Amino acid sequence: MKRLPVFTLFALLVCATPSLLNAGEKTSLFNGKSLEGWTVRPDKAETEGHWWAEDGMIVGENPNEKGSVLWTTKDFKDYEIELDYRTPSDYYDTGVMLRGDGHQVQIGISGSLKKDMTGCVYAPKDKRGSYPGQTDKVTEFNKPGEWNHLRIVLEGKRIQTFVNGEPFVDYEGIAINDEGPIGLQLHSGHNMKLFFKNIEVRELNK
């Protein structure tokens, strides 16, 4: 078997993985003890107590069925984020907001479609339907009630999602923000409880 020269192998690596070669170190977005580095919006009395830190996890619950988002105080451009999530709730509608409002990776039940759309891309601003990035793998790989792992790679307008190691969606956005905070959502209209842990981000093209 003919071996490729070292230079050729390096060139192939550069072409195949440009983001990883220019990526920063993984950093935790959660210190395990407090919500330092995060802020809740809307900042009103009706969302007070929706989010807190407990036993190394971020916990979100809305017994008043009001919606809120826990946002990072830092803005991000291109990044890879990984986290684990779990819920004891039968109905849960949450997700990861990617660069502020507009584009989201869904976790749980879509209120409009009435089915589990975990790992799918919610982007009505693109005017391609509410979920222009979908997959038929949700039922097979997402495990409600158990800990699940979500990985999202966001570079430019491209959004890639992975649930429990399985590639889910590869979607090219249109009206996505160039920069913004990362958010965890509690959707309005239902009482739900969510747990998040091991939230790590790696900034790309640094």
Foldseek 3Di string as FASTA:
>chain_A
DDDDDPVVVVVVVCVVCVFVVFWADKDFCDPQAWNPQKDKPPPDPQCPPQWTHDRQKIKGWRPVQAKMKIWGPDKAAWKKKKKKKAWPDPAFWKFKDDAPPFKTQIQGADPVVGGGFHRFIQGCVQVPDRTPWGFPCCVVQDDHRDIKMKMWGDDDQWIWIDINRHTTTTDGGDPDDRMHIMIMIGHGDDTTMMIMHPIIMMHTND
